[in-house]
Amino acid sequence: MDLNKLYAARFPEQDLEKKAAIWKVLCEDFFQQFISPTDTVLDLGAGHGEFLCHIKCGQRIAVELNPDAGRWLPKDTRLIAKPSWEIGELNSSSVNAAFASNFFEHLPTKDKLMQTLSEINRVLVPEGRLIILQPNLAYLTDQFFDFIDHNLPLSHKSMIEALSISGFELMRCTPKFLPFTTKSRMPQSPWLVRWYLRVPVAWRVLGKQMFILARKGRGADK
């Protein structure tokens, strides 16, 4: 699939500034608590770079197949233009935190998901973190396949099982966190996004995506 054409159709450039403003708040008010300013961070399926542009970290690594990705990513980002299960060029135990937002559902098969999780586990330092934001099939049975590139339906339960098999320890799971897309009924202005993040009862009403925090198991390298 031509990712450049797909991204251009789904995310018109006039909408990118508004999307980036939402991600700035998400990073500052939520995701930053899981990442140290000195961490090496790996972003899987980095897209337009909203996460890497707004998260404070030491080194940035992006895995992204869109040939136009370099246009959006911070200049100091190391770009790996390969599938997520073929990142052998990254050294083992070289990444402090891996981030995957709206990514795993695009993988072609469950086997590729498991291979990807194995590679993430390999490159993470001992007890390194994996941060996942993911459409939750448990709450999206009627909408999940509205996107042509959605292949792999996952619920929070199947995601947790895959992580366990792959040597991760679950630290936190929120089955209902963010709305399905930034075009959903999610608050669009930065101050409303901040309000939403601080009112978990709103998550239970609008949330269609899971949030999962896991870490590399203590015995994973033994």
Protein backbone atom coordinates (compact mmCIF):
# COMPACT_ATOMS: atom_id res chain seq x y z
CA MET A 1 0.00 0.00 0.00
CA ASP A 2 1.28 3.49 -0.90
CA LEU A 3 1.65 5.00 2.58
CA ASN A 4 2.38 8.46 1.26
CA LYS A 5 -0.97 8.57 -0.59
CA LEU A 6 -2.79 6.96 2.33
CA TYR A 7 -1.45 9.49 4.86
CA ALA A 8 -2.17 12.41 2.52
CA ALA A 9 -5.80 11.29 2.12
CA ARG A 10 -6.39 10.51 5.79
CA PHE A 11 -4.45 13.43 7.29
CA PRO A 12 -4.74 16.52 5.06
CA GLU A 13 -1.95 18.99 5.76
CA GLN A 14 -4.42 21.63 6.93
CA ASP A 15 -5.41 19.27 9.77
CA LEU A 16 -1.89 18.39 10.90
CA GLU A 17 -1.38 21.50 13.01
CA LYS A 18 -4.54 20.77 15.01
CA LYS A 19 -3.51 17.13 15.40
CA ALA A 20 -0.04 18.16 16.57
CA ALA A 21 -1.57 20.49 19.18
CA ILE A 22 -3.55 17.56 20.62
CA TRP A 23 -0.43 15.40 20.74
CA LYS A 24 1.55 18.15 22.45
CA VAL A 25 -0.92 18.02 25.35
CA LEU A 26 -1.01 14.20 25.37
CA CYS A 27 2.78 14.09 25.64
CA GLU A 28 3.18 16.86 28.20
CA ASP A 29 0.25 15.91 30.43
CA PHE A 30 0.29 12.12 30.19
CA PHE A 31 3.02 10.22 28.33
CA GLN A 32 5.96 12.25 29.64
CA GLN A 33 5.55 10.72 33.11
CA PHE A 34 6.76 7.39 31.69
CA ILE A 35 9.84 8.79 29.92
CA SER A 36 12.94 10.43 31.35
CA PRO A 37 14.56 13.39 29.54
CA THR A 38 17.69 11.25 29.10
CA ASP A 39 15.94 8.14 27.72
CA THR A 40 16.54 6.66 24.29
CA VAL A 41 13.04 6.32 22.82
CA LEU A 42 11.88 4.07 19.99
CA ASP A 43 8.67 5.08 18.19
CA LEU A 44 7.11 2.27 16.14
CA GLY A 45 5.08 3.56 13.22
CA ALA A 46 6.11 7.14 13.90
CA GLY A 47 3.80 8.60 11.24
CA HIS A 48 3.99 12.40 11.19
CA GLY A 49 6.21 12.40 14.26
CA GLU A 50 3.71 13.91 16.69
CA PHE A 51 5.04 11.86 19.59
CA LEU A 52 8.75 12.30 18.91
CA CYS A 53 8.29 16.02 18.24
CA HIS A 54 6.71 16.66 21.63
CA ILE A 55 8.22 14.15 24.04
CA LYS A 56 11.35 15.17 25.98
CA CYS A 57 14.02 12.49 25.69
CA GLY A 58 17.69 11.95 25.05
CA GLN A 59 17.75 10.11 21.71
CA ARG A 60 14.98 9.48 19.18
CA ILE A 61 14.59 6.44 16.93
CA ALA A 62 11.68 6.06 14.50
CA VAL A 63 10.52 2.95 12.67
CA GLU A 64 8.42 4.11 9.74
CA LEU A 65 7.88 2.80 6.18
CA ASN A 66 6.42 5.98 4.70
CA PRO A 67 9.18 7.33 2.41
CA ASP A 68 8.08 10.88 3.25
CA ALA A 69 8.60 10.38 7.01
CA GLY A 70 11.83 12.38 7.22
CA ARG A 71 9.86 15.50 6.35
CA TRP A 72 7.96 15.36 9.64
CA LEU A 73 10.36 13.88 12.16
CA PRO A 74 12.72 15.92 14.37
CA LYS A 75 16.08 16.42 12.69
CA ASP A 76 17.96 14.42 15.33
CA THR A 77 15.80 11.32 14.79
CA ARG A 78 17.39 8.09 13.61
CA LEU A 79 14.99 6.73 10.98
CA ILE A 80 14.73 3.00 10.31
CA ALA A 81 12.70 2.41 7.15
CA LYS A 82 12.10 -1.30 7.71
CA PRO A 83 9.26 -3.45 9.03
CA SER A 84 9.05 -3.54 12.81
CA TRP A 85 10.01 -7.23 12.92
CA GLU A 86 13.24 -6.51 10.97
CA ILE A 87 15.04 -4.02 13.22
CA GLY A 88 18.10 -6.16 13.82
CA GLU A 89 20.34 -3.13 13.18
CA LEU A 90 19.35 -1.85 16.63
CA ASN A 91 21.61 -3.15 19.37
CA SER A 92 20.16 -5.32 22.10
CA SER A 93 19.44 -3.49 25.38
CA SER A 94 19.91 -0.07 23.76
CA VAL A 95 16.43 1.47 24.20
CA ASN A 96 14.88 2.74 27.44
CA ALA A 97 11.31 3.12 26.23
CA ALA A 98 9.37 1.96 23.16
CA PHE A 99 6.15 3.66 22.07
CA ALA A 100 3.48 2.23 19.77
CA SER A 101 0.44 4.34 19.00
CA ASN A 102 -2.20 3.01 16.60
CA PHE A 103 0.39 0.67 15.15
CA PHE A 104 -0.14 -2.99 15.97
CA GLU A 105 -3.51 -3.12 14.19
CA HIS A 106 -1.67 -2.40 10.92
CA LEU A 107 0.56 -5.48 11.12
CA PRO A 108 -0.36 -8.17 8.58
CA THR A 109 -0.56 -11.21 10.87
CA LYS A 110 -0.39 -12.31 14.49
CA ASP A 111 2.96 -13.93 13.73
CA LYS A 112 4.36 -10.52 12.72
CA LEU A 113 2.95 -9.04 15.92
CA MET A 114 4.75 -11.65 18.00
CA GLN A 115 7.98 -11.14 16.04
CA THR A 116 7.67 -7.39 16.58
CA LEU A 117 7.14 -7.80 20.32
CA SER A 118 10.15 -10.10 20.45
CA GLU A 119 12.29 -7.46 18.75
CA ILE A 120 11.01 -4.75 21.10
CA ASN A 121 11.87 -6.95 24.06
CA ARG A 122 15.34 -7.54 22.66
CA VAL A 123 16.23 -3.87 22.15
CA LEU A 124 14.87 -2.70 25.52
CA VAL A 125 17.21 -2.33 28.47
CA PRO A 126 16.41 -4.48 31.52
CA GLU A 127 12.99 -3.38 32.80
CA GLY A 128 12.66 -0.99 29.86
CA ARG A 129 9.13 0.22 29.18
CA LEU A 130 6.71 -0.43 26.33
CA ILE A 131 3.93 2.17 26.05
CA ILE A 132 0.92 1.22 23.93
CA LEU A 133 -2.03 3.25 22.68
CA GLN A 134 -4.23 0.94 20.66
CA PRO A 135 -7.79 0.65 19.29
CA ASN A 136 -9.62 -1.79 21.54
CA LEU A 137 -11.74 -4.28 19.62
CA ALA A 138 -13.84 -4.88 22.74
CA TYR A 139 -15.41 -1.45 22.19
CA LEU A 140 -15.06 -1.08 18.41
CA THR A 141 -16.72 -4.09 16.84
CA ASP A 142 -18.72 -1.85 14.49
CA GLN A 143 -15.93 0.62 13.59
CA PHE A 144 -12.60 -1.18 13.64
CA PHE A 145 -12.51 -1.99 9.91
CA ASP A 146 -13.58 1.48 8.81
CA PHE A 147 -9.91 2.02 7.90
CA ILE A 148 -8.57 0.14 4.87
CA ASP A 149 -5.19 -0.58 6.48
CA HIS A 150 -6.56 -2.14 9.67
CA ASN A 151 -5.62 -5.82 9.62
CA LEU A 152 -5.20 -7.13 13.15
CA PRO A 153 -8.08 -6.71 15.62
CA LEU A 154 -6.91 -6.78 19.24
CA SER A 155 -8.65 -6.33 22.56
CA HIS A 156 -6.87 -5.37 25.78
CA LYS A 157 -7.07 -9.04 26.84
CA SER A 158 -5.44 -10.39 23.68
CA MET A 159 -2.80 -7.64 23.82
CA ILE A 160 -1.95 -8.53 27.42
CA GLU A 161 -1.68 -12.22 26.51
CA ALA A 162 0.66 -11.43 23.61
CA LEU A 163 2.83 -9.31 25.89
CA SER A 164 3.03 -12.04 28.50
CA ILE A 165 4.07 -14.64 25.94
CA SER A 166 6.74 -12.25 24.67
CA GLY A 167 8.39 -11.78 28.07
CA PHE A 168 6.78 -8.54 29.23
CA GLU A 169 5.36 -7.76 32.66
CA LEU A 170 2.13 -5.76 32.75
CA MET A 171 2.38 -2.57 34.81
CA ARG A 172 -0.86 -0.81 33.89
CA CYS A 173 -3.87 -1.40 31.66
CA THR A 174 -6.68 1.08 30.97
CA PRO A 175 -9.12 -0.65 28.58
CA LYS A 176 -10.93 2.62 27.78
CA PHE A 177 -8.65 5.64 27.48
CA LEU A 178 -8.82 7.87 24.39
CA PRO A 179 -11.53 8.09 21.71
CA PHE A 180 -11.02 6.05 18.53
CA THR A 181 -9.48 8.86 16.44
CA THR A 182 -8.71 12.56 16.74
CA LYS A 183 -11.82 13.05 14.57
CA SER A 184 -13.99 11.30 17.16
CA ARG A 185 -15.83 13.19 19.88
CA MET A 186 -12.53 13.92 21.58
CA PRO A 187 -12.13 17.52 22.77
CA GLN A 188 -10.20 19.39 20.09
CA SER A 189 -8.78 22.42 21.92
CA PRO A 190 -5.67 21.93 24.09
CA TRP A 191 -7.38 23.03 27.32
CA LEU A 192 -10.26 20.58 26.76
CA VAL A 193 -7.78 17.77 26.11
CA ARG A 194 -6.08 18.62 29.41
CA TRP A 195 -9.45 18.52 31.14
CA TYR A 196 -10.25 15.15 29.55
CA LEU A 197 -6.98 13.62 30.74
CA ARG A 198 -7.71 14.73 34.30
CA VAL A 199 -11.26 13.32 34.41
CA PRO A 200 -11.07 9.49 34.11
CA VAL A 201 -14.86 9.22 34.26
CA ALA A 202 -14.88 10.80 30.79
CA TRP A 203 -12.63 8.00 29.55
CA ARG A 204 -15.29 5.44 30.46
CA VAL A 205 -17.79 7.31 28.28
CA LEU A 206 -15.68 8.25 25.25
CA GLY A 207 -12.73 5.86 25.43
CA LYS A 208 -12.35 3.38 22.56
CA GLN A 209 -8.58 2.95 22.71
CA MET A 210 -6.64 1.06 25.36
CA PHE A 211 -3.58 2.33 27.18
CA ILE A 212 -1.08 -0.32 28.28
CA LEU A 213 2.22 0.10 30.08
CA ALA A 214 4.47 -2.96 30.25
CA ARG A 215 8.11 -3.56 31.02
CA LYS A 216 10.70 -6.01 29.89
CA GLY A 217 10.57 -8.95 32.27
CA ARG A 218 13.39 -9.30 34.76
CA GLY A 219 14.36 -12.72 33.39
CA ALA A 220 14.01 -11.82 29.71
CA ASP A 221 17.76 -11.76 29.02
CA LYS A 222 18.62 -14.88 30.97
